Amino acid sequence: MNKVTFLSVVLVILGMLFGCEPLVTKFPDEQPANRYESIVKSDVPSDVGSIMVMTWNIRFAAAQIPWFGDSCGDRVILTRQEVLNNLQAIADKINQIQPDILLMQEVDVESKRSAYVDQVQWLLDNTYLNYGAFASMWEAQYVPSDGLGRLNTGNAVLYRWNISETTRIPLALRGDQDALTRYFYLRRNILKVKTDVPNTNGLYVLDVHTAAFSTDDTKKKHLETFKREIDRVADAGMPFVAGGDLNGLPPGSDSTNYCDESRCLDDPPDFCPDGADYSPEVDWLVPLYTSYAFAVPLDEYALNNPLYFTQAHGTAPNKKLDYLLTRSEGWVSGSSVTHQDAIPLSDHVPVTARLIVSP
């Protein structure tokens, strides 16, 4: 039986089990993102010269629990108490840092693996942030792999101020997968939101999570689409901040192959996980660095790479994947912090910086 025939059989069987509702939401076109509000609103400043922006891949509140497929573990389901405990630790960190705008990745809203907790709503209700937007990158009634079951996860942006526009912009599907895997796999996006920040005509936020383990040029396509969307906002003269988990290394990184850090203890010495070798991708972030100001400038990163590493499986971060960027001279000088003290809370740490919104 060829792959196409096998896929058809699988989909027919699953369709019989789950009725007429699509097994996987495909998101073919741009569409509004889902909006959220906290139950109780917090007071917001009406006049600001700069705001704190944070990006954080929260790993669906799995903290550093060894997980199948990405951290040498075999867990696929969290208990509700594990989810709530980990969310509380994330909320505590948010409340400590006090960002005005929070870009997040790998946020679950209705997933078996995270006890069906709507993590966007939970974080709004347990922090001072008032409004949110969510764009799914993986919504499936049933994922027939390792007991994952129902899944809905994606990007989210949380704000103090009200949201006036939301858009989910689809990104290219991976080109290195067979048809069955691709059907049930992630459909990544850019979450684009406009919010009513004081002293602006509306501030745009673009939140992205590009391909992680692709072995072709899918990630490059995602980065190119991300830049095009930023260019459109910048060319229109609108203030903006962009960022997220770009799954790429800064140009000039000391090491571009993380096979040693990514290898599990029982892997053979010559094994290199898919996507662990970044050598073919060393220039993929150059167009963004050339056009825009990053919260961590390249010259600072070059002085001490490990100081700015953001991903860690275990106790030590091993590469920088998470970024914030804006127009030229848009950051308060020296305001960026890579919060490596938050390593126990996710496999990524948050990055913050102060964005200038008025002279």
Protein backbone atom coordinates (compact mmCIF):
# COMPACT_ATOMS: atom_id res chain seq x y z
CA MET A 1 0.00 0.00 0.00
CA ASN A 2 1.50 3.38 -0.99
CA LYS A 3 1.53 6.39 1.34
CA VAL A 4 -1.37 8.18 -0.33
CA THR A 5 -3.60 5.10 -0.12
CA PHE A 6 -2.57 4.48 3.49
CA LEU A 7 -3.34 8.09 4.38
CA SER A 8 -6.79 7.80 2.80
CA VAL A 9 -7.57 4.64 4.79
CA VAL A 10 -6.41 6.23 8.04
CA LEU A 11 -8.48 9.36 7.46
CA VAL A 12 -11.60 7.34 6.59
CA ILE A 13 -11.29 5.28 9.77
CA LEU A 14 -10.68 8.31 11.96
CA GLY A 15 -13.48 10.19 10.22
CA MET A 16 -15.88 7.37 11.12
CA LEU A 17 -14.76 7.58 14.73
CA PHE A 18 -15.00 11.35 15.08
CA GLY A 19 -17.90 12.19 12.78
CA CYS A 20 -17.99 14.99 10.22
CA GLU A 21 -15.81 17.47 12.12
CA PRO A 22 -12.36 17.83 10.47
CA LEU A 23 -9.63 15.93 12.25
CA VAL A 24 -7.16 18.76 11.71
CA THR A 25 -7.84 22.48 11.25
CA LYS A 26 -5.87 23.57 8.18
CA PHE A 27 -5.99 27.43 8.45
CA PRO A 28 -5.46 28.00 4.70
CA ASP A 29 -5.79 31.82 4.70
CA GLU A 30 -5.28 34.86 6.88
CA GLN A 31 -8.02 35.18 9.47
CA PRO A 32 -8.71 36.96 12.76
CA ALA A 33 -7.09 35.43 15.83
CA ASN A 34 -9.03 34.47 18.93
CA ARG A 35 -9.42 37.25 21.51
CA TYR A 36 -9.35 36.96 25.29
CA GLU A 37 -10.01 39.19 28.31
CA SER A 38 -9.18 38.75 31.96
CA ILE A 39 -12.10 38.33 34.35
CA VAL A 40 -11.00 41.33 36.43
CA LYS A 41 -9.26 44.27 34.74
CA SER A 42 -6.15 45.88 36.21
CA ASP A 43 -5.48 49.62 36.00
CA VAL A 44 -3.22 50.67 33.13
CA PRO A 45 -0.98 53.72 32.71
CA SER A 46 -2.40 56.41 30.40
CA ASP A 47 0.93 58.08 29.57
CA VAL A 48 4.11 56.10 28.89
CA GLY A 49 7.48 56.89 27.34
CA SER A 50 8.64 53.28 27.17
CA ILE A 51 7.14 49.86 27.80
CA MET A 52 8.55 46.50 28.85
CA VAL A 53 8.27 43.77 26.20
CA MET A 54 8.90 40.08 26.86
CA THR A 55 9.01 36.98 24.68
CA TRP A 56 8.79 33.50 26.18
CA ASN A 57 8.27 30.00 24.84
CA ILE A 58 6.50 28.46 27.86
CA ARG A 59 6.52 24.85 26.59
CA PHE A 60 2.79 24.36 27.34
CA ALA A 61 3.56 24.49 31.11
CA ALA A 62 5.62 21.29 30.99
CA ALA A 63 8.58 23.02 32.69
CA GLN A 64 11.67 20.77 32.43
CA ILE A 65 9.78 17.47 32.52
CA PRO A 66 11.50 15.02 30.11
CA TRP A 67 9.18 14.79 27.10
CA PHE A 68 8.98 12.46 24.15
CA GLY A 69 10.45 13.78 20.94
CA ASP A 70 12.39 16.74 22.30
CA SER A 71 14.12 16.06 25.61
CA CYS A 72 15.03 12.40 25.95
CA GLY A 73 11.87 11.45 27.83
CA ASP A 74 8.72 9.41 27.30
CA ARG A 75 6.03 11.57 28.92
CA VAL A 76 3.12 12.64 26.71
CA ILE A 77 0.49 13.61 29.30
CA LEU A 78 0.73 16.05 32.23
CA THR A 79 -1.47 15.82 35.29
CA ARG A 80 -3.75 18.77 35.99
CA GLN A 81 -1.82 19.54 39.16
CA GLU A 82 1.48 19.58 37.25
CA VAL A 83 -0.01 22.03 34.75
CA LEU A 84 -1.41 24.33 37.43
CA ASN A 85 1.80 24.27 39.46
CA ASN A 86 3.89 25.10 36.41
CA LEU A 87 1.49 27.82 35.27
CA GLN A 88 1.64 29.38 38.72
CA ALA A 89 5.44 29.48 38.54
CA ILE A 90 5.21 31.12 35.09
CA ALA A 91 2.66 33.64 36.36
CA ASP A 92 4.88 34.44 39.35
CA LYS A 93 7.76 35.20 36.98
CA ILE A 94 5.56 37.38 34.78
CA ASN A 95 4.29 39.29 37.82
CA GLN A 96 7.87 39.76 39.01
CA ILE A 97 9.20 41.08 35.67
CA GLN A 98 6.04 43.11 34.89
CA PRO A 99 6.06 43.20 31.07
CA ASP A 100 3.49 45.46 29.42
CA ILE A 101 3.35 43.19 26.36
CA LEU A 102 4.11 39.47 26.43
CA LEU A 103 4.75 37.38 23.32
CA MET A 104 4.39 33.65 24.02
CA GLN A 105 4.89 30.45 22.06
CA GLU A 106 3.77 26.84 22.72
CA VAL A 107 0.68 27.85 24.67
CA ASP A 108 -2.04 25.21 25.02
CA VAL A 109 -5.72 26.10 25.17
CA GLU A 110 -7.53 22.77 24.78
CA SER A 111 -5.09 19.87 24.83
CA LYS A 112 -5.17 16.43 26.39
CA ARG A 113 -1.44 16.65 27.16
CA SER A 114 -2.01 19.66 29.47
CA ALA A 115 -5.27 18.53 31.12
CA TYR A 116 -7.41 20.73 28.83
CA VAL A 117 -6.47 23.90 30.74
CA ASP A 118 -6.90 27.07 28.69
CA GLN A 119 -3.48 28.52 29.46
CA VAL A 120 -4.16 31.91 27.84
CA GLN A 121 -7.20 32.52 30.02
CA TRP A 122 -5.49 31.13 33.11
CA LEU A 123 -2.49 33.44 32.75
CA LEU A 124 -4.71 36.48 32.14
CA ASP A 125 -6.69 35.68 35.27
CA ASN A 126 -3.59 35.13 37.38
CA THR A 127 -1.50 38.13 36.26
CA TYR A 128 -2.17 41.87 35.92
CA LEU A 129 -2.43 41.60 32.10
CA ASN A 130 -5.88 42.37 30.73
CA TYR A 131 -6.22 41.31 27.10
CA GLY A 132 -4.93 38.52 24.91
CA ALA A 133 -4.91 37.04 21.43
CA PHE A 134 -4.25 33.44 20.41
CA ALA A 135 -3.43 31.86 17.04
CA SER A 136 -3.34 28.08 16.87
CA MET A 137 -0.47 26.32 15.14
CA TRP A 138 -1.71 22.79 15.85
CA GLU A 139 -5.42 22.13 16.29
CA ALA A 140 -6.42 18.50 15.94
CA GLN A 141 -9.33 16.47 17.24
CA TYR A 142 -6.98 13.52 17.52
CA VAL A 143 -3.25 13.09 16.94
CA PRO A 144 -2.55 9.35 16.40
CA SER A 145 0.95 9.46 17.87
CA ASP A 146 2.12 8.35 21.29
CA GLY A 147 -1.27 8.94 22.91
CA LEU A 148 -1.34 12.72 22.33
CA GLY A 149 -5.04 12.77 21.45
CA ARG A 150 -6.76 16.16 21.21
CA LEU A 151 -4.40 19.10 20.79
CA ASN A 152 -4.65 22.86 20.37
CA THR A 153 -1.49 24.89 20.85
CA GLY A 154 -0.03 28.04 19.35
CA ASN A 155 1.20 31.61 19.77
CA ALA A 156 -0.33 34.12 22.16
CA VAL A 157 0.17 37.78 22.98
CA LEU A 158 -0.96 39.27 26.30
CA TYR A 159 -1.35 43.02 26.89
CA ARG A 160 -2.20 45.61 29.47
CA TRP A 161 -4.11 47.68 26.89
CA ASN A 162 -7.03 46.84 24.65
CA ILE A 163 -6.56 45.11 21.29
CA SER A 164 -7.98 46.70 18.15
CA GLU A 165 -6.85 44.20 15.44
CA THR A 166 -5.81 40.55 15.35
CA THR A 167 -4.60 38.49 12.40
CA ARG A 168 -3.37 34.92 12.05
CA ILE A 169 -0.95 34.76 9.09
CA PRO A 170 -0.23 31.18 7.92
CA LEU A 171 3.31 29.97 7.26
CA ALA A 172 4.48 27.32 4.82
CA LEU A 173 4.12 23.65 5.73
CA ARG A 174 7.24 21.54 6.03
CA GLY A 175 8.42 20.09 2.74
CA ASP A 176 10.50 17.25 4.19
CA GLN A 177 7.63 15.12 5.56
CA ASP A 178 5.48 12.38 4.06
CA ALA A 179 1.81 13.15 3.42
CA LEU A 180 0.46 11.41 6.53
CA THR A 181 2.88 13.12 8.91
CA ARG A 182 2.31 16.50 7.29
CA TYR A 183 -1.48 16.16 7.55
CA PHE A 184 -1.33 15.79 11.35
CA TYR A 185 1.65 18.10 11.89
CA LEU A 186 2.00 21.74 12.93
CA ARG A 187 0.64 24.62 10.85
CA ARG A 188 2.75 27.50 12.05
CA ASN A 189 1.77 31.16 11.89
CA ILE A 190 2.57 34.76 12.62
CA LEU A 191 0.23 36.29 15.18
CA LYS A 192 -0.14 39.98 14.30
CA VAL A 193 -1.92 42.22 16.79
CA LYS A 194 -2.52 45.96 17.09
CA THR A 195 -2.97 47.38 20.57
CA ASP A 196 -3.85 50.80 21.98
CA VAL A 197 -0.58 51.71 23.68
CA PRO A 198 -0.63 55.34 24.90
CA ASN A 199 1.34 57.89 22.86
CA THR A 200 1.08 55.79 19.71
CA ASN A 201 -1.41 55.49 16.87
CA GLY A 202 -1.55 51.83 17.75
CA LEU A 203 1.42 49.52 18.30
CA TYR A 204 1.73 46.39 16.16
CA VAL A 205 3.10 43.18 17.67
CA LEU A 206 4.23 40.27 15.47
CA ASP A 207 4.77 36.99 17.29
CA VAL A 208 6.27 33.98 15.48
CA HIS A 209 7.46 30.44 16.15
CA THR A 210 9.31 29.14 13.10
CA ALA A 211 10.01 25.52 12.13
CA ALA A 212 12.14 23.71 14.67
CA PHE A 213 13.36 20.45 13.17
CA SER A 214 12.96 20.86 9.42
CA THR A 215 15.84 19.59 7.30
CA ASP A 216 14.92 21.56 4.18
CA ASP A 217 14.37 25.31 3.64
CA THR A 218 11.02 25.53 5.47
CA LYS A 219 12.51 27.58 8.30
CA LYS A 220 14.07 29.97 5.77
CA LYS A 221 10.67 30.46 4.15
CA HIS A 222 9.15 31.22 7.57
CA LEU A 223 11.82 33.82 8.32
CA GLU A 224 11.33 35.43 4.91
CA THR A 225 7.57 35.67 5.45
CA PHE A 226 8.16 37.09 8.93
CA LYS A 227 10.42 39.81 7.50
CA ARG A 228 7.92 40.67 4.76
CA GLU A 229 5.20 41.21 7.35
CA ILE A 230 7.50 43.37 9.48
CA ASP A 231 8.51 45.35 6.38
CA ARG A 232 4.85 46.11 5.61
CA VAL A 233 4.29 47.58 9.05
CA ALA A 234 7.59 49.48 9.04
CA ASP A 235 7.04 50.85 5.53
CA ALA A 236 3.64 52.16 6.62
CA GLY A 237 5.39 54.15 9.37
CA MET A 238 3.67 52.28 12.20
CA PRO A 239 5.41 51.54 15.52
CA PHE A 240 5.98 47.85 16.12
CA VAL A 241 7.78 45.17 18.05
CA ALA A 242 8.38 41.68 16.69
CA GLY A 243 9.88 38.52 18.02
CA GLY A 244 9.41 35.04 19.33
CA ASP A 245 11.13 31.70 18.98
CA LEU A 246 12.95 31.97 15.64
CA ASN A 247 14.70 28.59 16.00
CA GLY A 248 17.81 30.12 14.46
CA LEU A 249 21.22 31.25 15.68
CA PRO A 250 22.63 34.79 15.50
CA PRO A 251 25.19 35.28 12.73
CA GLY A 252 28.73 34.63 13.94
CA SER A 253 27.74 32.18 16.70
CA ASP A 254 30.72 30.31 18.15
CA SER A 255 29.05 26.94 17.67
CA THR A 256 26.56 25.97 14.96
CA ASN A 257 26.21 22.27 15.66
CA TYR A 258 24.45 21.20 18.84
CA CYS A 259 24.50 17.46 18.33
CA ASP A 260 26.50 16.96 21.51
CA GLU A 261 24.07 19.01 23.61
CA SER A 262 21.00 17.49 21.95
CA ARG A 263 22.07 13.86 22.07
CA CYS A 264 20.41 11.61 24.66
CA LEU A 265 22.54 9.43 26.91
CA ASP A 266 21.54 6.21 25.16
CA ASP A 267 22.12 7.57 21.63
CA PRO A 268 25.12 6.22 19.69
CA PRO A 269 28.17 8.53 19.60
CA ASP A 270 27.73 9.32 15.91
CA PHE A 271 24.01 10.14 16.18
CA CYS A 272 22.90 13.68 15.34
CA PRO A 273 19.22 14.54 15.92
CA ASP A 274 17.28 16.05 13.03
CA GLY A 275 17.61 19.81 13.04
CA ALA A 276 20.48 19.91 15.55
CA ASP A 277 23.05 21.02 12.97
CA TYR A 278 22.56 24.72 12.24
CA SER A 279 25.58 24.97 9.92
CA PRO A 280 23.49 25.32 6.70
CA GLU A 281 21.45 28.13 8.33
CA VAL A 282 24.18 30.48 9.57
CA ASP A 283 23.04 33.38 7.35
CA TRP A 284 19.26 33.01 7.58
CA LEU A 285 18.83 35.74 10.22
CA VAL A 286 21.14 38.22 8.48
CA PRO A 287 18.34 40.03 6.56
CA LEU A 288 16.52 40.73 9.84
CA TYR A 289 19.68 41.89 11.60
CA THR A 290 20.53 44.14 8.65
CA SER A 291 17.11 45.84 8.60
CA TYR A 292 16.10 46.10 12.24
CA ALA A 293 17.37 46.70 15.77
CA PHE A 294 17.54 43.61 17.99
CA ALA A 295 17.19 43.86 21.76
CA VAL A 296 20.54 42.03 22.00
CA PRO A 297 22.81 43.63 19.37
CA LEU A 298 25.21 41.37 17.51
CA ASP A 299 28.29 43.09 18.93
CA GLU A 300 27.12 42.39 22.49
CA TYR A 301 26.25 38.79 21.66
CA ALA A 302 29.68 38.29 20.08
CA LEU A 303 31.43 39.26 23.31
CA ASN A 304 29.82 36.45 25.31
CA ASN A 305 27.51 34.03 23.45
CA PRO A 306 26.48 31.94 26.50
CA LEU A 307 25.24 35.02 28.38
CA TYR A 308 22.40 35.28 25.87
CA PHE A 309 21.52 31.60 25.37
CA THR A 310 17.79 31.01 25.78
CA GLN A 311 17.15 27.28 25.29
CA ALA A 312 18.03 24.62 27.82
CA HIS A 313 17.09 21.00 28.36
CA GLY A 314 18.31 20.64 31.94
CA THR A 315 20.39 23.12 33.89
CA ALA A 316 22.57 24.84 31.28
CA PRO A 317 21.35 26.82 28.25
CA ASN A 318 23.11 25.88 25.01
CA LYS A 319 21.88 28.21 22.24
CA LYS A 320 20.04 31.45 21.54
CA LEU A 321 16.72 30.96 19.74
CA ASP A 322 14.50 33.72 21.18
CA TYR A 323 14.51 37.33 19.99
CA LEU A 324 12.94 40.78 20.13
CA LEU A 325 13.39 43.35 17.36
CA THR A 326 12.02 46.72 16.33
CA ARG A 327 12.81 49.84 14.29
CA SER A 328 16.25 51.46 14.45
CA GLU A 329 17.02 53.09 17.82
CA GLY A 330 13.79 51.68 19.24
CA TRP A 331 15.21 50.12 22.41
CA VAL A 332 16.22 51.77 25.65
CA SER A 333 19.97 51.25 25.63
CA GLY A 334 21.15 48.45 27.90
CA SER A 335 17.62 47.42 28.89
CA SER A 336 17.65 43.87 27.49
CA VAL A 337 17.79 40.95 29.94
CA THR A 338 18.01 37.23 29.19
CA HIS A 339 16.41 35.67 32.27
CA GLN A 340 18.46 32.50 32.65
CA ASP A 341 17.29 32.20 36.26
CA ALA A 342 13.97 30.96 34.76
CA ILE A 343 15.51 27.76 33.34
CA PRO A 344 13.45 25.48 35.65
CA LEU A 345 10.17 26.89 34.27
CA SER A 346 10.48 25.85 30.59
CA ASP A 347 13.00 24.67 28.01
CA HIS A 348 13.29 28.34 26.98
CA VAL A 349 13.95 31.40 29.13
CA PRO A 350 12.26 34.79 28.68
CA VAL A 351 13.95 37.76 27.03
CA THR A 352 12.90 41.30 27.95
CA ALA A 353 13.74 44.83 26.82
CA ARG A 354 12.25 48.33 27.11
CA LEU A 355 10.72 49.69 23.91
CA ILE A 356 10.64 53.46 23.34
CA VAL A 357 7.11 54.52 22.36
CA SER A 358 7.43 58.33 22.58
CA PRO A 359 10.31 60.82 22.43
